[in-house]
Amino acid sequence: VATACSIVSGAVAERMNQWPFFALVVFIAAFIYPVQGYWNWGGGFL
């Protein structure tokens, strides 16, 4: 999860302010990664 957020950090380096980026990290760690992980590893529809 943290590695995925680190990749995003590199993609938006010098292009995104710190606090909006931290808000994006909250969304990735709490929603995006768990949902896509659930689809396959957690027994979801995939």
All heavy atoms as atom14 arrays in JSON, in Angstrom:
{
  "sequence": "VATACSIVSGAVAERMNQWPFFALVVFIAAFIYPVQGYWNWGGGFL",
  "atom14_mask": [
    [1, 1, 1, 1, 1, 1, 1, 0, 0, 0, 0, 0, 0, 0],
    [1, 1, 1, 1, 1, 0, 0, 0, 0, 0, 0, 0, 0, 0],
    [1, 1, 1, 1, 1, 1, 1, 0, 0, 0, 0, 0, 0, 0],
    [1, 1, 1, 1, 1, 0, 0, 0, 0, 0, 0, 0, 0, 0],
    [1, 1, 1, 1, 1, 1, 0, 0, 0, 0, 0, 0, 0, 0],
    [1, 1, 1, 1, 1, 1, 0, 0, 0, 0, 0, 0, 0, 0],
    [1, 1, 1, 1, 1, 1, 1, 1, 0, 0, 0, 0, 0, 0],
    [1, 1, 1, 1, 1, 1, 1, 0, 0, 0, 0, 0, 0, 0],
    [1, 1, 1, 1, 1, 1, 0, 0, 0, 0, 0, 0, 0, 0],
    [1, 1, 1, 1, 0, 0, 0, 0, 0, 0, 0, 0, 0, 0],
    [1, 1, 1, 1, 1, 0, 0, 0, 0, 0, 0, 0, 0, 0],
    [1, 1, 1, 1, 1, 1, 1, 0, 0, 0, 0, 0, 0, 0],
    [1, 1, 1, 1, 1, 0, 0, 0, 0, 0, 0, 0, 0, 0],
    [1, 1, 1, 1, 1, 1, 1, 1, 1, 0, 0, 0, 0, 0],
    [1, 1, 1, 1, 1, 1, 1, 1, 1, 1, 1, 0, 0, 0],
    [1, 1, 1, 1, 1, 1, 1, 1, 0, 0, 0, 0, 0, 0],
    [1, 1, 1, 1, 1, 1, 1, 1, 0, 0, 0, 0, 0, 0],
    [1, 1, 1, 1, 1, 1, 1, 1, 1, 0, 0, 0, 0, 0],
    [1, 1, 1, 1, 1, 1, 1, 1, 1, 1, 1, 1, 1, 1],
    [1, 1, 1, 1, 1, 1, 1, 0, 0, 0, 0, 0, 0, 0],
    [1, 1, 1, 1, 1, 1, 1, 1, 1, 1, 1, 0, 0, 0],
    [1, 1, 1, 1, 1, 1, 1, 1, 1, 1, 1, 0, 0, 0],
    [1, 1, 1, 1, 1, 0, 0, 0, 0, 0, 0, 0, 0, 0],
    [1, 1, 1, 1, 1, 1, 1, 1, 0, 0, 0, 0, 0, 0],
    [1, 1, 1, 1, 1, 1, 1, 0, 0, 0, 0, 0, 0, 0],
    [1, 1, 1, 1, 1, 1, 1, 0, 0, 0, 0, 0, 0, 0],
    [1, 1, 1, 1, 1, 1, 1, 1, 1, 1, 1, 0, 0, 0],
    [1, 1, 1, 1, 1, 1, 1, 1, 0, 0, 0, 0, 0, 0],
    [1, 1, 1, 1, 1, 0, 0, 0, 0, 0, 0, 0, 0, 0],
    [1, 1, 1, 1, 1, 0, 0, 0, 0, 0, 0, 0, 0, 0],
    [1, 1, 1, 1, 1, 1, 1, 1, 1, 1, 1, 0, 0, 0],
    [1, 1, 1, 1, 1, 1, 1, 1, 0, 0, 0, 0, 0, 0],
    [1, 1, 1, 1, 1, 1, 1, 1, 1, 1, 1, 1, 0, 0],
    [1, 1, 1, 1, 1, 1, 1, 0, 0, 0, 0, 0, 0, 0],
    [1, 1, 1, 1, 1, 1, 1, 0, 0, 0, 0, 0, 0, 0],
    [1, 1, 1, 1, 1, 1, 1, 1, 1, 0, 0, 0, 0, 0],
    [1, 1, 1, 1, 0, 0, 0, 0, 0, 0, 0, 0, 0, 0],
    [1, 1, 1, 1, 1, 1, 1, 1, 1, 1, 1, 1, 0, 0],
    [1, 1, 1, 1, 1, 1, 1, 1, 1, 1, 1, 1, 1, 1],
    [1, 1, 1, 1, 1, 1, 1, 1, 0, 0, 0, 0, 0, 0],
    [1, 1, 1, 1, 1, 1, 1, 1, 1, 1, 1, 1, 1, 1],
    [1, 1, 1, 1, 0, 0, 0, 0, 0, 0, 0, 0, 0, 0],
    [1, 1, 1, 1, 0, 0, 0, 0, 0, 0, 0, 0, 0, 0],
    [1, 1, 1, 1, 0, 0, 0, 0, 0, 0, 0, 0, 0, 0],
    [1, 1, 1, 1, 1, 1, 1, 1, 1, 1, 1, 0, 0, 0],
    [1, 1, 1, 1, 1, 1, 1, 1, 0, 0, 0, 0, 0, 0]
  ],
  "atom14_positions": [
    [[0.84, -1.2, 0.0], [0.0, 0.0, 0.0], [0.88, 1.25, 0.0], [0.69, 2.18, -0.79], [-0.94, 0.01, 1.22], [-1.72, 1.32, 1.28], [-1.9, -1.15, 1.17], [0.0, 0.0, 0.0], [0.0, 0.0, 0.0], [0.0, 0.0, 0.0], [0.0, 0.0, 0.0], [0.0, 0.0, 0.0], [0.0, 0.0, 0.0], [0.0, 0.0, 0.0]],
    [[1.85, 1.26, 0.91], [2.75, 2.4, 0.99], [3.59, 2.55, -0.28], [3.87, 3.67, -0.73], [3.66, 2.26, 2.21], [0.0, 0.0, 0.0], [0.0, 0.0, 0.0], [0.0, 0.0, 0.0], [0.0, 0.0, 0.0], [0.0, 0.0, 0.0], [0.0, 0.0, 0.0], [0.0, 0.0, 0.0], [0.0, 0.0, 0.0], [0.0, 0.0, 0.0]],
    [[3.99, 1.43, -0.87], [4.75, 1.49, -2.12], [3.92, 2.09, -3.25], [4.42, 2.89, -4.05], [5.24, 0.08, -2.51], [6.06, -0.44, -1.48], [6.02, 0.13, -3.81], [0.0, 0.0, 0.0], [0.0, 0.0, 0.0], [0.0, 0.0, 0.0], [0.0, 0.0, 0.0], [0.0, 0.0, 0.0], [0.0, 0.0, 0.0], [0.0, 0.0, 0.0]],
    [[2.65, 1.72, -3.31], [1.77, 2.3, -4.32], [1.67, 3.81, -4.15], [1.7, 4.56, -5.13], [0.38, 1.67, -4.23], [0.0, 0.0, 0.0], [0.0, 0.0, 0.0], [0.0, 0.0, 0.0], [0.0, 0.0, 0.0], [0.0, 0.0, 0.0], [0.0, 0.0, 0.0], [0.0, 0.0, 0.0], [0.0, 0.0, 0.0], [0.0, 0.0, 0.0]],
    [[1.58, 4.25, -2.9], [1.53, 5.69, -2.64], [2.85, 6.36, -2.98], [2.88, 7.51, -3.44], [1.18, 5.94, -1.17], [-0.46, 5.35, -0.68], [0.0, 0.0, 0.0], [0.0, 0.0, 0.0], [0.0, 0.0, 0.0], [0.0, 0.0, 0.0], [0.0, 0.0, 0.0], [0.0, 0.0, 0.0], [0.0, 0.0, 0.0], [0.0, 0.0, 0.0]],
    [[3.97, 5.63, -2.77], [5.29, 6.19, -3.12], [5.42, 6.4, -4.62], [6.03, 7.38, -5.07], [6.4, 5.26, -2.62], [6.39, 5.14, -1.23], [0.0, 0.0, 0.0], [0.0, 0.0, 0.0], [0.0, 0.0, 0.0], [0.0, 0.0, 0.0], [0.0, 0.0, 0.0], [0.0, 0.0, 0.0], [0.0, 0.0, 0.0], [0.0, 0.0, 0.0]],
    [[4.86, 5.49, -5.4], [4.89, 5.64, -6.85], [4.12, 6.89, -7.28], [4.56, 7.66, -8.13], [4.32, 4.38, -7.53], [5.22, 3.18, -7.25], [4.17, 4.59, -9.04], [4.64, 1.86, -7.72], [0.0, 0.0, 0.0], [0.0, 0.0, 0.0], [0.0, 0.0, 0.0], [0.0, 0.0, 0.0], [0.0, 0.0, 0.0], [0.0, 0.0, 0.0]],
    [[2.97, 7.11, -6.64], [2.19, 8.31, -6.92], [2.98, 9.55, -6.52], [2.96, 10.57, -7.22], [0.85, 8.27, -6.19], [0.06, 9.55, -6.41], [0.03, 7.07, -6.64], [0.0, 0.0, 0.0], [0.0, 0.0, 0.0], [0.0, 0.0, 0.0], [0.0, 0.0, 0.0], [0.0, 0.0, 0.0], [0.0, 0.0, 0.0], [0.0, 0.0, 0.0]],
    [[3.7, 9.46, -5.41], [4.53, 10.59, -4.96], [5.55, 10.99, -6.02], [5.77, 12.17, -6.27], [5.24, 10.22, -3.66], [6.18, 11.21, -3.29], [0.0, 0.0, 0.0], [0.0, 0.0, 0.0], [0.0, 0.0, 0.0], [0.0, 0.0, 0.0], [0.0, 0.0, 0.0], [0.0, 0.0, 0.0], [0.0, 0.0, 0.0], [0.0, 0.0, 0.0]],
    [[6.18, 9.99, -6.63], [7.14, 10.3, -7.69], [6.49, 10.89, -8.92], [7.05, 11.76, -9.59], [0.0, 0.0, 0.0], [0.0, 0.0, 0.0], [0.0, 0.0, 0.0], [0.0, 0.0, 0.0], [0.0, 0.0, 0.0], [0.0, 0.0, 0.0], [0.0, 0.0, 0.0], [0.0, 0.0, 0.0], [0.0, 0.0, 0.0], [0.0, 0.0, 0.0]],
    [[5.26, 10.43, -9.21], [4.57, 10.92, -10.4], [4.15, 12.38, -10.27], [4.08, 13.1, -11.27], [3.35, 10.05, -10.69], [0.0, 0.0, 0.0], [0.0, 0.0, 0.0], [0.0, 0.0, 0.0], [0.0, 0.0, 0.0], [0.0, 0.0, 0.0], [0.0, 0.0, 0.0], [0.0, 0.0, 0.0], [0.0, 0.0, 0.0], [0.0, 0.0, 0.0]],
    [[3.87, 12.81, -9.04], [3.39, 14.19, -8.84], [4.44, 15.06, -8.17], [4.12, 16.12, -7.65], [2.09, 14.19, -8.01], [0.99, 13.43, -8.71], [2.32, 13.61, -6.61], [0.0, 0.0, 0.0], [0.0, 0.0, 0.0], [0.0, 0.0, 0.0], [0.0, 0.0, 0.0], [0.0, 0.0, 0.0], [0.0, 0.0, 0.0], [0.0, 0.0, 0.0]],
    [[5.7, 14.61, -8.15], [6.77, 15.4, -7.54], [6.86, 16.76, -8.2], [6.88, 16.87, -9.44], [8.1, 14.65, -7.67], [0.0, 0.0, 0.0], [0.0, 0.0, 0.0], [0.0, 0.0, 0.0], [0.0, 0.0, 0.0], [0.0, 0.0, 0.0], [0.0, 0.0, 0.0], [0.0, 0.0, 0.0], [0.0, 0.0, 0.0], [0.0, 0.0, 0.0]],
    [[6.88, 17.81, -7.38], [6.93, 19.21, -7.83], [5.67, 19.64, -8.58], [5.64, 20.7, -9.17], [8.16, 19.48, -8.7], [9.49, 19.33, -7.96], [10.67, 19.78, -8.79], [10.68, 19.49, -10.01], [11.57, 20.43, -8.23], [0.0, 0.0, 0.0], [0.0, 0.0, 0.0], [0.0, 0.0, 0.0], [0.0, 0.0, 0.0], [0.0, 0.0, 0.0]],
    [[4.64, 18.8, -8.55], [3.39, 19.13, -9.25], [2.19, 19.17, -8.32], [1.11, 19.55, -8.74], [3.13, 18.1, -10.36], [4.18, 18.09, -11.46], [3.91, 16.96, -12.44], [4.88, 16.96, -13.52], [6.05, 16.35, -13.47], [6.39, 15.69, -12.36], [6.89, 16.38, -14.48], [0.0, 0.0, 0.0], [0.0, 0.0, 0.0], [0.0, 0.0, 0.0]],
    [[2.36, 18.75, -7.07], [1.25, 18.66, -6.13], [1.72, 19.07, -4.74], [2.79, 18.64, -4.3], [0.69, 17.23, -6.1], [-0.61, 17.07, -5.39], [-1.25, 15.38, -5.6], [-2.87, 15.55, -4.88], [0.0, 0.0, 0.0], [0.0, 0.0, 0.0], [0.0, 0.0, 0.0], [0.0, 0.0, 0.0], [0.0, 0.0, 0.0], [0.0, 0.0, 0.0]],
    [[0.93, 19.9, -4.08], [1.3, 20.35, -2.75], [1.2, 19.21, -1.74], [0.56, 18.18, -1.98], [0.41, 21.5, -2.31], [0.68, 22.77, -3.11], [1.81, 22.98, -3.56], [-0.32, 23.6, -3.28], [0.0, 0.0, 0.0], [0.0, 0.0, 0.0], [0.0, 0.0, 0.0], [0.0, 0.0, 0.0], [0.0, 0.0, 0.0], [0.0, 0.0, 0.0]],
    [[1.82, 19.42, -0.58], [1.97, 18.35, 0.39], [0.64, 17.89, 0.97], [0.36, 16.68, 1.0], [2.89, 18.83, 1.52], [3.14, 17.8, 2.59], [4.22, 18.26, 3.56], [5.34, 18.52, 3.16], [3.86, 18.38, 4.83], [0.0, 0.0, 0.0], [0.0, 0.0, 0.0], [0.0, 0.0, 0.0], [0.0, 0.0, 0.0], [0.0, 0.0, 0.0]],
    [[-0.21, 18.79, 1.44], [-1.44, 18.38, 2.12], [-2.46, 17.76, 1.17], [-3.1, 16.76, 1.54], [-2.03, 19.56, 2.88], [-1.17, 19.95, 4.05], [-0.41, 21.07, 4.17], [-0.93, 19.18, 5.24], [0.28, 21.06, 5.36], [-0.02, 19.92, 6.03], [-1.39, 17.95, 5.7], [0.43, 19.47, 7.27], [-0.96, 17.49, 6.93], [-0.07, 18.24, 7.7]],
    [[-2.67, 18.29, -0.02], [-3.54, 17.55, -0.96], [-3.01, 16.16, -1.29], [-3.79, 15.22, -1.46], [-3.55, 18.45, -2.2], [-3.26, 19.81, -1.69], [-2.31, 19.6, -0.55], [0.0, 0.0, 0.0], [0.0, 0.0, 0.0], [0.0, 0.0, 0.0], [0.0, 0.0, 0.0], [0.0, 0.0, 0.0], [0.0, 0.0, 0.0], [0.0, 0.0, 0.0]],
    [[-1.69, 16.01, -1.35], [-1.11, 14.69, -1.59], [-1.4, 13.74, -0.44], [-1.73, 12.58, -0.65], [0.39, 14.8, -1.82], [1.08, 13.47, -1.89], [0.93, 12.65, -3.02], [1.85, 13.0, -0.84], [1.55, 11.42, -3.08], [2.47, 11.77, -0.89], [2.32, 10.98, -2.02], [0.0, 0.0, 0.0], [0.0, 0.0, 0.0], [0.0, 0.0, 0.0]],
    [[-1.28, 14.22, 0.79], [-1.58, 13.38, 1.95], [-3.06, 12.97, 1.94], [-3.4, 11.85, 2.35], [-1.24, 14.11, 3.24], [0.24, 14.17, 3.53], [0.76, 15.14, 4.36], [1.1, 13.24, 2.98], [2.12, 15.19, 4.65], [2.46, 13.27, 3.24], [2.98, 14.26, 4.09], [0.0, 0.0, 0.0], [0.0, 0.0, 0.0], [0.0, 0.0, 0.0]],
    [[-3.94, 13.86, 1.5], [-5.35, 13.5, 1.39], [-5.54, 12.4, 0.35], [-6.36, 11.48, 0.53], [-6.18, 14.73, 1.02], [0.0, 0.0, 0.0], [0.0, 0.0, 0.0], [0.0, 0.0, 0.0], [0.0, 0.0, 0.0], [0.0, 0.0, 0.0], [0.0, 0.0, 0.0], [0.0, 0.0, 0.0], [0.0, 0.0, 0.0], [0.0, 0.0, 0.0]],
    [[-4.78, 12.47, -0.74], [-4.84, 11.42, -1.76], [-4.33, 10.1, -1.21], [-4.88, 9.03, -1.52], [-4.01, 11.84, -2.98], [-3.92, 10.84, -4.14], [-5.31, 10.56, -4.71], [-3.0, 11.37, -5.24], [0.0, 0.0, 0.0], [0.0, 0.0, 0.0], [0.0, 0.0, 0.0], [0.0, 0.0, 0.0], [0.0, 0.0, 0.0], [0.0, 0.0, 0.0]],
    [[-3.3, 10.13, -0.37], [-2.78, 8.92, 0.25], [-3.85, 8.26, 1.13], [-4.0, 7.03, 1.13], [-1.52, 9.24, 1.09], [-1.1, 8.04, 1.92], [-0.38, 9.66, 0.18], [0.0, 0.0, 0.0], [0.0, 0.0, 0.0], [0.0, 0.0, 0.0], [0.0, 0.0, 0.0], [0.0, 0.0, 0.0], [0.0, 0.0, 0.0], [0.0, 0.0, 0.0]],
    [[-4.6, 9.06, 1.86], [-5.7, 8.53, 2.68], [-6.69, 7.79, 1.8], [-7.14, 6.68, 2.13], [-6.4, 9.67, 3.45], [-7.68, 9.16, 4.11], [-5.47, 10.25, 4.5], [0.0, 0.0, 0.0], [0.0, 0.0, 0.0], [0.0, 0.0, 0.0], [0.0, 0.0, 0.0], [0.0, 0.0, 0.0], [0.0, 0.0, 0.0], [0.0, 0.0, 0.0]],
    [[-7.04, 8.37, 0.67], [-8.01, 7.76, -0.25], [-7.47, 6.47, -0.85], [-8.19, 5.47, -0.96], [-8.37, 8.75, -1.35], [-9.43, 8.27, -2.29], [-10.72, 8.02, -1.84], [-9.14, 8.05, -3.62], [-11.7, 7.57, -2.72], [-10.11, 7.61, -4.5], [-11.4, 7.37, -4.04], [0.0, 0.0, 0.0], [0.0, 0.0, 0.0], [0.0, 0.0, 0.0]],
    [[-6.19, 6.45, -1.22], [-5.59, 5.25, -1.81], [-5.53, 4.12, -0.79], [-5.91, 2.98, -1.07], [-4.18, 5.57, -2.35], [-4.25, 6.53, -3.54], [-3.47, 4.28, -2.76], [-2.9, 7.01, -4.01], [0.0, 0.0, 0.0], [0.0, 0.0, 0.0], [0.0, 0.0, 0.0], [0.0, 0.0, 0.0], [0.0, 0.0, 0.0], [0.0, 0.0, 0.0]],
    [[-5.04, 4.43, 0.41], [-4.84, 3.38, 1.43], [-6.14, 2.87, 2.02], [-6.24, 1.7, 2.4], [-3.94, 3.91, 2.54], [0.0, 0.0, 0.0], [0.0, 0.0, 0.0], [0.0, 0.0, 0.0], [0.0, 0.0, 0.0], [0.0, 0.0, 0.0], [0.0, 0.0, 0.0], [0.0, 0.0, 0.0], [0.0, 0.0, 0.0], [0.0, 0.0, 0.0]],
    [[-7.15, 3.74, 2.09], [-8.4, 3.35, 2.74], [-9.44, 2.82, 1.77], [-10.35, 2.09, 2.18], [-8.99, 4.54, 3.51], [0.0, 0.0, 0.0], [0.0, 0.0, 0.0], [0.0, 0.0, 0.0], [0.0, 0.0, 0.0], [0.0, 0.0, 0.0], [0.0, 0.0, 0.0], [0.0, 0.0, 0.0], [0.0, 0.0, 0.0], [0.0, 0.0, 0.0]],
    [[-9.29, 3.15, 0.47], [-10.35, 2.77, -0.46], [-9.83, 2.08, -1.72], [-10.2, 0.94, -2.02], [-11.17, 4.0, -0.85], [-12.32, 3.68, -1.76], [-13.49, 3.12, -1.25], [-12.26, 3.93, -3.13], [-14.56, 2.81, -2.08], [-13.31, 3.62, -3.96], [-14.47, 3.06, -3.44], [0.0, 0.0, 0.0], [0.0, 0.0, 0.0], [0.0, 0.0, 0.0]],
    [[-8.95, 2.74, -2.47], [-8.56, 2.22, -3.78], [-7.87, 0.86, -3.66], [-8.28, -0.12, -4.29], [-7.65, 3.22, -4.51], [-8.43, 4.49, -4.85], [-7.09, 2.6, -5.8], [-7.61, 5.55, -5.56], [0.0, 0.0, 0.0], [0.0, 0.0, 0.0], [0.0, 0.0, 0.0], [0.0, 0.0, 0.0], [0.0, 0.0, 0.0], [0.0, 0.0, 0.0]],
    [[-6.8, 0.78, -2.87], [-6.06, -0.48, -2.76], [-6.91, -1.59, -2.13], [-6.92, -2.72, -2.64], [-4.78, -0.26, -1.96], [-3.84, -1.45, -1.97], [-2.82, -1.55, -2.91], [-3.97, -2.47, -1.04], [-1.97, -2.64, -2.93], [-3.12, -3.57, -1.05], [-2.12, -3.65, -2.0], [-1.29, -4.73, -2.01], [0.0, 0.0, 0.0], [0.0, 0.0, 0.0]],
    [[-7.62, -1.34, -1.03], [-8.43, -2.43, -0.46], [-9.51, -2.94, -1.39], [-9.75, -4.16, -1.45], [-9.05, -1.78, 0.79], [-8.13, -0.67, 1.14], [-7.62, -0.15, -0.17], [0.0, 0.0, 0.0], [0.0, 0.0, 0.0], [0.0, 0.0, 0.0], [0.0, 0.0, 0.0], [0.0, 0.0, 0.0], [0.0, 0.0, 0.0], [0.0, 0.0, 0.0]],
    [[-10.16, -2.06, -2.14], [-11.24, -2.49, -3.02], [-10.7, -3.35, -4.16], [-11.21, -4.44, -4.45], [-12.02, -1.29, -3.57], [-13.0, -1.72, -4.66], [-12.79, -0.61, -2.44], [0.0, 0.0, 0.0], [0.0, 0.0, 0.0], [0.0, 0.0, 0.0], [0.0, 0.0, 0.0], [0.0, 0.0, 0.0], [0.0, 0.0, 0.0], [0.0, 0.0, 0.0]],
    [[-9.63, -2.89, -4.83], [-9.1, -3.69, -5.93], [-8.47, -4.98, -5.42], [-8.47, -6.0, -6.1], [-8.09, -2.86, -6.77], [-6.82, -2.46, -6.05], [-5.75, -3.52, -6.08], [-5.71, -4.33, -6.99], [-4.87, -3.52, -5.08], [0.0, 0.0, 0.0], [0.0, 0.0, 0.0], [0.0, 0.0, 0.0], [0.0, 0.0, 0.0], [0.0, 0.0, 0.0]],
    [[-7.91, -4.96, -4.2], [-7.39, -6.18, -3.63], [-8.5, -7.16, -3.27], [-8.34, -8.38, -3.43], [0.0, 0.0, 0.0], [0.0, 0.0, 0.0], [0.0, 0.0, 0.0], [0.0, 0.0, 0.0], [0.0, 0.0, 0.0], [0.0, 0.0, 0.0], [0.0, 0.0, 0.0], [0.0, 0.0, 0.0], [0.0, 0.0, 0.0], [0.0, 0.0, 0.0]],
    [[-9.62, -6.63, -2.82], [-10.77, -7.49, -2.48], [-11.33, -8.17, -3.72], [-11.75, -9.33, -3.64], [-11.84, -6.64, -1.8], [-13.24, -7.19, -1.93], [-13.63, -8.33, -1.23], [-14.17, -6.58, -2.77], [-14.92, -8.84, -1.36], [-15.45, -7.08, -2.9], [-15.82, -8.21, -2.2], [-17.08, -8.72, -2.34], [0.0, 0.0, 0.0], [0.0, 0.0, 0.0]],
    [[-11.33, -7.5, -4.85], [-11.9, -8.09, -6.06], [-11.26, -9.44, -6.38], [-11.93, -10.33, -6.89], [-11.69, -7.16, -7.24], [-12.56, -5.94, -7.21], [-13.66, -5.75, -6.42], [-12.4, -4.75, -7.98], [-14.2, -4.51, -6.66], [-13.45, -3.88, -7.61], [-11.49, -4.34, -8.93], [-13.6, -2.62, -8.18], [-11.63, -3.09, -9.5], [-12.68, -2.23, -9.13]],
    [[-9.98, -9.6, -6.08], [-9.3, -10.85, -6.4], [-8.87, -11.61, -5.15], [-9.34, -12.7, -4.89], [-8.08, -10.57, -7.29], [-7.58, -11.83, -7.98], [-7.6, -12.91, -7.42], [-7.12, -11.69, -9.21], [0.0, 0.0, 0.0], [0.0, 0.0, 0.0], [0.0, 0.0, 0.0], [0.0, 0.0, 0.0], [0.0, 0.0, 0.0], [0.0, 0.0, 0.0]],
    [[-7.98, -11.02, -4.36], [-7.42, -11.73, -3.21], [-8.44, -11.91, -2.09], [-8.33, -12.85, -1.31], [-6.2, -10.98, -2.67], [-5.14, -10.78, -3.71], [-4.77, -11.67, -4.66], [-4.33, -9.62, -3.89], [-3.76, -11.14, -5.43], [-3.48, -9.87, -4.98], [-4.24, -8.39, -3.25], [-2.54, -8.96, -5.43], [-3.31, -7.48, -3.69], [-2.47, -7.76, -4.77]],
    [[-9.4, -11.01, -1.98], [-10.36, -11.07, -0.89], [-11.63, -11.82, -1.21], [-12.56, -11.82, -0.41], [0.0, 0.0, 0.0], [0.0, 0.0, 0.0], [0.0, 0.0, 0.0], [0.0, 0.0, 0.0], [0.0, 0.0, 0.0], [0.0, 0.0, 0.0], [0.0, 0.0, 0.0], [0.0, 0.0, 0.0], [0.0, 0.0, 0.0], [0.0, 0.0, 0.0]],
    [[-11.69, -12.45, -2.38], [-12.86, -13.24, -2.74], [-13.94, -12.48, -3.46], [-15.1, -12.89, -3.44], [0.0, 0.0, 0.0], [0.0, 0.0, 0.0], [0.0, 0.0, 0.0], [0.0, 0.0, 0.0], [0.0, 0.0, 0.0], [0.0, 0.0, 0.0], [0.0, 0.0, 0.0], [0.0, 0.0, 0.0], [0.0, 0.0, 0.0], [0.0, 0.0, 0.0]],
    [[-13.59, -11.37, -4.12], [-14.57, -10.58, -4.84], [-15.0, -11.2, -6.15], [-14.76, -12.38, -6.41], [0.0, 0.0, 0.0], [0.0, 0.0, 0.0], [0.0, 0.0, 0.0], [0.0, 0.0, 0.0], [0.0, 0.0, 0.0], [0.0, 0.0, 0.0], [0.0, 0.0, 0.0], [0.0, 0.0, 0.0], [0.0, 0.0, 0.0], [0.0, 0.0, 0.0]],
    [[-15.61, -10.37, -7.01], [-16.21, -10.9, -8.24], [-15.17, -11.46, -9.2], [-15.46, -12.4, -9.95], [-17.07, -9.83, -8.91], [-16.29, -8.75, -9.6], [-16.08, -8.81, -10.97], [-15.78, -7.67, -8.9], [-15.38, -7.81, -11.64], [-15.07, -6.67, -9.55], [-14.87, -6.74, -10.93], [0.0, 0.0, 0.0], [0.0, 0.0, 0.0], [0.0, 0.0, 0.0]],
    [[-13.97, -10.91, -9.23], [-12.94, -11.45, -10.11], [-12.51, -12.85, -9.66], [-12.33, -13.75, -10.48], [-11.73, -10.53, -10.15], [-11.93, -9.17, -10.83], [-10.63, -8.38, -10.81], [-12.39, -9.35, -12.27], [0.0, 0.0, 0.0], [0.0, 0.0, 0.0], [0.0, 0.0, 0.0], [0.0, 0.0, 0.0], [0.0, 0.0, 0.0], [0.0, 0.0, 0.0]]
  ]
}
